[in-house]
Amino acid sequence: MPNRTSVLTTQINNEKARSLYERLDWVNVLEPFHSSKNDVPYVIMGKALKTKVN
């Protein structure tokens, strides 16, 4: 597997999505993140991917 990590973004105030991601072992990488000056704040989350053994 060439990539061992994955990242995603969601709005900071999206509590349902953040709760789901945290239950699935995603962790905060950067909070808050603003993609532009007038944009709503986001959180960047990351997760280590598991290698599949056949």
PDB file of N, CA and C in Angstrom:
ATOM      1  N   MET A   1       0.856  -1.164   0.000  1.00  0.00           N
ATOM      2  CA  MET A   1       0.000   0.000   0.000  1.00  0.00           C
ATOM      3  C   MET A   1       0.907   1.234   0.000  1.00  0.00           C
ATOM      4  N   PRO A   2       0.832   2.081  -1.025  1.00  0.00           N
ATOM      5  CA  PRO A   2       1.716   3.232  -1.113  1.00  0.00           C
ATOM      6  C   PRO A   2       1.393   4.329  -0.096  1.00  0.00           C
ATOM      7  N   ASN A   3       0.138   4.517   0.253  1.00  0.00           N
ATOM      8  CA  ASN A   3      -0.247   5.554   1.218  1.00  0.00           C
ATOM      9  C   ASN A   3      -0.646   4.906   2.532  1.00  0.00           C
ATOM     10  N   ARG A   4      -0.068   5.407   3.610  1.00  0.00           N
ATOM     11  CA  ARG A   4      -0.344   4.822   4.917  1.00  0.00           C
ATOM     12  C   ARG A   4      -1.222   5.709   5.788  1.00  0.00           C
ATOM     13  N   THR A   5      -1.531   6.906   5.307  1.00  0.00           N
ATOM     14  CA  THR A   5      -2.392   7.813   6.062  1.00  0.00           C
ATOM     15  C   THR A   5      -3.415   8.449   5.133  1.00  0.00           C
ATOM     16  N   SER A   6      -4.461   8.978   5.744  1.00  0.00           N
ATOM     17  CA  SER A   6      -5.495   9.687   4.997  1.00  0.00           C
ATOM     18  C   SER A   6      -5.904  10.907   5.805  1.00  0.00           C
ATOM     19  N   VAL A   7      -6.335  11.964   5.122  1.00  0.00           N
ATOM     20  CA  VAL A   7      -6.820  13.165   5.803  1.00  0.00           C
ATOM     21  C   VAL A   7      -8.173  13.557   5.223  1.00  0.00           C
ATOM     22  N   LEU A   8      -8.943  14.276   6.033  1.00  0.00           N
ATOM     23  CA  LEU A   8     -10.221  14.818   5.595  1.00  0.00           C
ATOM     24  C   LEU A   8     -10.443  16.142   6.292  1.00  0.00           C
ATOM     25  N   THR A   9     -11.390  16.910   5.784  1.00  0.00           N
ATOM     26  CA  THR A   9     -11.783  18.153   6.442  1.00  0.00           C
ATOM     27  C   THR A   9     -13.285  18.155   6.637  1.00  0.00           C
ATOM     28  N   THR A  10     -13.713  18.808   7.695  1.00  0.00           N
ATOM     29  CA  THR A  10     -15.124  19.062   7.941  1.00  0.00           C
ATOM     30  C   THR A  10     -15.229  20.358   8.730  1.00  0.00           C
ATOM     31  N   GLN A  11     -16.371  21.001   8.655  1.00  0.00           N
ATOM     32  CA  GLN A  11     -16.545  22.246   9.396  1.00  0.00           C
ATOM     33  C   GLN A  11     -16.483  21.959  10.894  1.00  0.00           C
ATOM     34  N   ILE A  12     -15.879  22.880  11.622  1.00  0.00           N
ATOM     35  CA  ILE A  12     -15.704  22.697  13.059  1.00  0.00           C
ATOM     36  C   ILE A  12     -17.030  22.452  13.760  1.00  0.00           C
ATOM     37  N   ASN A  13     -18.081  23.136  13.333  1.00  0.00           N
ATOM     38  CA  ASN A  13     -19.365  23.016  14.029  1.00  0.00           C
ATOM     39  C   ASN A  13     -20.205  21.827  13.556  1.00  0.00           C
ATOM     40  N   ASN A  14     -19.682  20.964  12.701  1.00  0.00           N
ATOM     41  CA  ASN A  14     -20.404  19.779  12.236  1.00  0.00           C
ATOM     42  C   ASN A  14     -20.187  18.651  13.250  1.00  0.00           C
ATOM     43  N   GLU A  15     -20.914  18.733  14.358  1.00  0.00           N
ATOM     44  CA  GLU A  15     -20.700  17.822  15.481  1.00  0.00           C
ATOM     45  C   GLU A  15     -21.022  16.369  15.145  1.00  0.00           C
ATOM     46  N   LYS A  16     -22.037  16.130  14.330  1.00  0.00           N
ATOM     47  CA  LYS A  16     -22.386  14.746  13.985  1.00  0.00           C
ATOM     48  C   LYS A  16     -21.270  14.086  13.182  1.00  0.00           C
ATOM     49  N   ALA A  17     -20.734  14.796  12.203  1.00  0.00           N
ATOM     50  CA  ALA A  17     -19.645  14.232  11.401  1.00  0.00           C
ATOM     51  C   ALA A  17     -18.403  14.019  12.255  1.00  0.00           C
ATOM     52  N   ARG A  18     -18.065  14.996  13.064  1.00  0.00           N
ATOM     53  CA  ARG A  18     -16.866  14.870  13.898  1.00  0.00           C
ATOM     54  C   ARG A  18     -16.986  13.712  14.871  1.00  0.00           C
ATOM     55  N   SER A  19     -18.169  13.534  15.438  1.00  0.00           N
ATOM     56  CA  SER A  19     -18.397  12.423  16.358  1.00  0.00           C
ATOM     57  C   SER A  19     -18.218  11.082  15.646  1.00  0.00           C
ATOM     58  N   LEU A  20     -18.751  10.973  14.436  1.00  0.00           N
ATOM     59  CA  LEU A  20     -18.586   9.748  13.651  1.00  0.00           C
ATOM     60  C   LEU A  20     -17.115   9.484  13.365  1.00  0.00           C
ATOM     61  N   TYR A  21     -16.403  10.494  12.886  1.00  0.00           N
ATOM     62  CA  TYR A  21     -14.992  10.310  12.552  1.00  0.00           C
ATOM     63  C   TYR A  21     -14.175   9.924  13.781  1.00  0.00           C
ATOM     64  N   GLU A  22     -14.465  10.540  14.922  1.00  0.00           N
ATOM     65  CA  GLU A  22     -13.733  10.198  16.142  1.00  0.00           C
ATOM     66  C   GLU A  22     -14.003   8.756  16.556  1.00  0.00           C
ATOM     67  N   ARG A  23     -15.239   8.281  16.398  1.00  0.00           N
ATOM     68  CA  ARG A  23     -15.549   6.878  16.703  1.00  0.00           C
ATOM     69  C   ARG A  23     -14.809   5.931  15.760  1.00  0.00           C
ATOM     70  N   LEU A  24     -14.492   6.418  14.559  1.00  0.00           N
ATOM     71  CA  LEU A  24     -13.764   5.608  13.580  1.00  0.00           C
ATOM     72  C   LEU A  24     -12.248   5.838  13.650  1.00  0.00           C
ATOM     73  N   ASP A  25     -11.785   6.409  14.769  1.00  0.00           N
ATOM     74  CA  ASP A  25     -10.355   6.594  15.075  1.00  0.00           C
ATOM     75  C   ASP A  25      -9.654   7.681  14.272  1.00  0.00           C
ATOM     76  N   TRP A  26     -10.400   8.644  13.736  1.00  0.00           N
ATOM     77  CA  TRP A  26      -9.776   9.813  13.120  1.00  0.00           C
ATOM     78  C   TRP A  26      -9.369  10.761  14.246  1.00  0.00           C
ATOM     79  N   VAL A  27      -8.259  11.472  14.079  1.00  0.00           N
ATOM     80  CA  VAL A  27      -7.761  12.406  15.097  1.00  0.00           C
ATOM     81  C   VAL A  27      -7.576  13.790  14.485  1.00  0.00           C
ATOM     82  N   ASN A  28      -7.683  14.813  15.332  1.00  0.00           N
ATOM     83  CA  ASN A  28      -7.478  16.188  14.877  1.00  0.00           C
ATOM     84  C   ASN A  28      -6.016  16.410  14.526  1.00  0.00           C
ATOM     85  N   VAL A  29      -5.790  16.979  13.357  1.00  0.00           N
ATOM     86  CA  VAL A  29      -4.453  17.343  12.918  1.00  0.00           C
ATOM     87  C   VAL A  29      -4.270  18.850  13.043  1.00  0.00           C
ATOM     88  N   LEU A  30      -5.293  19.611  12.666  1.00  0.00           N
ATOM     89  CA  LEU A  30      -5.227  21.072  12.725  1.00  0.00           C
ATOM     90  C   LEU A  30      -6.627  21.623  12.950  1.00  0.00           C
ATOM     91  N   GLU A  31      -6.742  22.480  13.969  1.00  0.00           N
ATOM     92  CA  GLU A  31      -8.019  23.117  14.279  1.00  0.00           C
ATOM     93  C   GLU A  31      -7.742  24.465  14.920  1.00  0.00           C
ATOM     94  N   PRO A  32      -8.259  25.550  14.446  1.00  0.00           N
ATOM     95  CA  PRO A  32      -9.089  25.705  13.256  1.00  0.00           C
ATOM     96  C   PRO A  32      -8.230  25.864  12.004  1.00  0.00           C
ATOM     97  N   PHE A  33      -8.820  25.570  10.873  1.00  0.00           N
ATOM     98  CA  PHE A  33      -8.213  25.769   9.563  1.00  0.00           C
ATOM     99  C   PHE A  33      -9.164  26.631   8.751  1.00  0.00           C
ATOM    100  N   HIS A  34      -8.645  27.719   8.193  1.00  0.00           N
ATOM    101  CA  HIS A  34      -9.448  28.620   7.358  1.00  0.00           C
ATOM    102  C   HIS A  34      -8.891  28.554   5.940  1.00  0.00           C
ATOM    103  N   SER A  35      -9.714  28.070   4.997  1.00  0.00           N
ATOM    104  CA  SER A  35      -9.238  27.968   3.619  1.00  0.00           C
ATOM    105  C   SER A  35      -9.183  29.325   2.932  1.00  0.00           C
ATOM    106  N   SER A  36      -9.911  30.287   3.461  1.00  0.00           N
ATOM    107  CA  SER A  36      -9.829  31.669   2.983  1.00  0.00           C
ATOM    108  C   SER A  36     -10.195  32.592   4.136  1.00  0.00           C
ATOM    109  N   LYS A  37      -9.947  33.867   3.959  1.00  0.00           N
ATOM    110  CA  LYS A  37     -10.155  34.829   5.038  1.00  0.00           C
ATOM    111  C   LYS A  37     -11.606  34.871   5.516  1.00  0.00           C
ATOM    112  N   ASN A  38     -12.564  34.738   4.607  1.00  0.00           N
ATOM    113  CA  ASN A  38     -13.976  34.863   4.965  1.00  0.00           C
ATOM    114  C   ASN A  38     -14.691  33.524   5.109  1.00  0.00           C
ATOM    115  N   ASP A  39     -13.953  32.444   5.098  1.00  0.00           N
ATOM    116  CA  ASP A  39     -14.565  31.118   5.148  1.00  0.00           C
ATOM    117  C   ASP A  39     -14.831  30.694   6.588  1.00  0.00           C
ATOM    118  N   VAL A  40     -15.765  29.771   6.754  1.00  0.00           N
ATOM    119  CA  VAL A  40     -16.025  29.203   8.073  1.00  0.00           C
ATOM    120  C   VAL A  40     -14.842  28.326   8.469  1.00  0.00           C
ATOM    121  N   PRO A  41     -14.598  28.166   9.766  1.00  0.00           N
ATOM    122  CA  PRO A  41     -13.465  27.345  10.195  1.00  0.00           C
ATOM    123  C   PRO A  41     -13.724  25.854   9.978  1.00  0.00           C
ATOM    124  N   TYR A  42     -12.665  25.159   9.643  1.00  0.00           N
ATOM    125  CA  TYR A  42     -12.694  23.715   9.438  1.00  0.00           C
ATOM    126  C   TYR A  42     -11.731  23.051  10.404  1.00  0.00           C
ATOM    127  N   VAL A  43     -11.863  21.755  10.528  1.00  0.00           N
ATOM    128  CA  VAL A  43     -10.891  20.935  11.230  1.00  0.00           C
ATOM    129  C   VAL A  43     -10.327  19.953  10.202  1.00  0.00           C
ATOM    130  N   ILE A  44      -9.022  19.752  10.247  1.00  0.00           N
ATOM    131  CA  ILE A  44      -8.379  18.730   9.423  1.00  0.00           C
ATOM    132  C   ILE A  44      -8.151  17.525  10.324  1.00  0.00           C
ATOM    133  N   MET A  45      -8.606  16.367   9.874  1.00  0.00           N
ATOM    134  CA  MET A  45      -8.470  15.141  10.656  1.00  0.00           C
ATOM    135  C   MET A  45      -7.658  14.129   9.857  1.00  0.00           C
ATOM    136  N   GLY A  46      -6.948  13.276  10.560  1.00  0.00           N
ATOM    137  CA  GLY A  46      -6.131  12.272   9.904  1.00  0.00           C
ATOM    138  C   GLY A  46      -6.312  10.906  10.536  1.00  0.00           C
ATOM    139  N   LYS A  47      -5.913   9.895   9.778  1.00  0.00           N
ATOM    140  CA  LYS A  47      -6.024   8.522  10.267  1.00  0.00           C
ATOM    141  C   LYS A  47      -4.949   7.671   9.605  1.00  0.00           C
ATOM    142  N   ALA A  48      -4.319   6.826  10.400  1.00  0.00           N
ATOM    143  CA  ALA A  48      -3.382   5.846   9.850  1.00  0.00           C
ATOM    144  C   ALA A  48      -4.195   4.708   9.254  1.00  0.00           C
ATOM    145  N   LEU A  49      -3.854   4.328   8.032  1.00  0.00           N
ATOM    146  CA  LEU A  49      -4.570   3.250   7.359  1.00  0.00           C
ATOM    147  C   LEU A  49      -3.968   1.909   7.745  1.00  0.00           C
ATOM    148  N   LYS A  50      -4.823   0.931   7.903  1.00  0.00           N
ATOM    149  CA  LYS A  50      -4.361  -0.414   8.251  1.00  0.00           C
ATOM    150  C   LYS A  50      -3.971  -1.150   6.978  1.00  0.00           C
ATOM    151  N   THR A  51      -2.878  -1.884   7.065  1.00  0.00           N
ATOM    152  CA  THR A  51      -2.469  -2.687   5.914  1.00  0.00           C
ATOM    153  C   THR A  51      -3.250  -3.993   5.930  1.00  0.00           C
ATOM    154  N   LYS A  52      -3.683  -4.403   4.776  1.00  0.00           N
ATOM    155  CA  LYS A  52      -4.464  -5.628   4.653  1.00  0.00           C
ATOM    156  C   LYS A  52      -3.523  -6.791   4.368  1.00  0.00           C
ATOM    157  N   VAL A  53      -3.632  -7.824   5.175  1.00  0.00           N
ATOM    158  CA  VAL A  53      -2.807  -9.017   5.009  1.00  0.00           C
ATOM    159  C   VAL A  53      -3.688 -10.110   4.431  1.00  0.00           C
ATOM    160  N   ASN A  54      -3.251 -10.678   3.326  1.00  0.00           N
ATOM    161  CA  ASN A  54      -4.027 -11.764   2.693  1.00  0.00           C
ATOM    162  C   ASN A  54      -3.661 -13.105   3.263  1.00  0.00           C
TER     163      ASN A  54
END
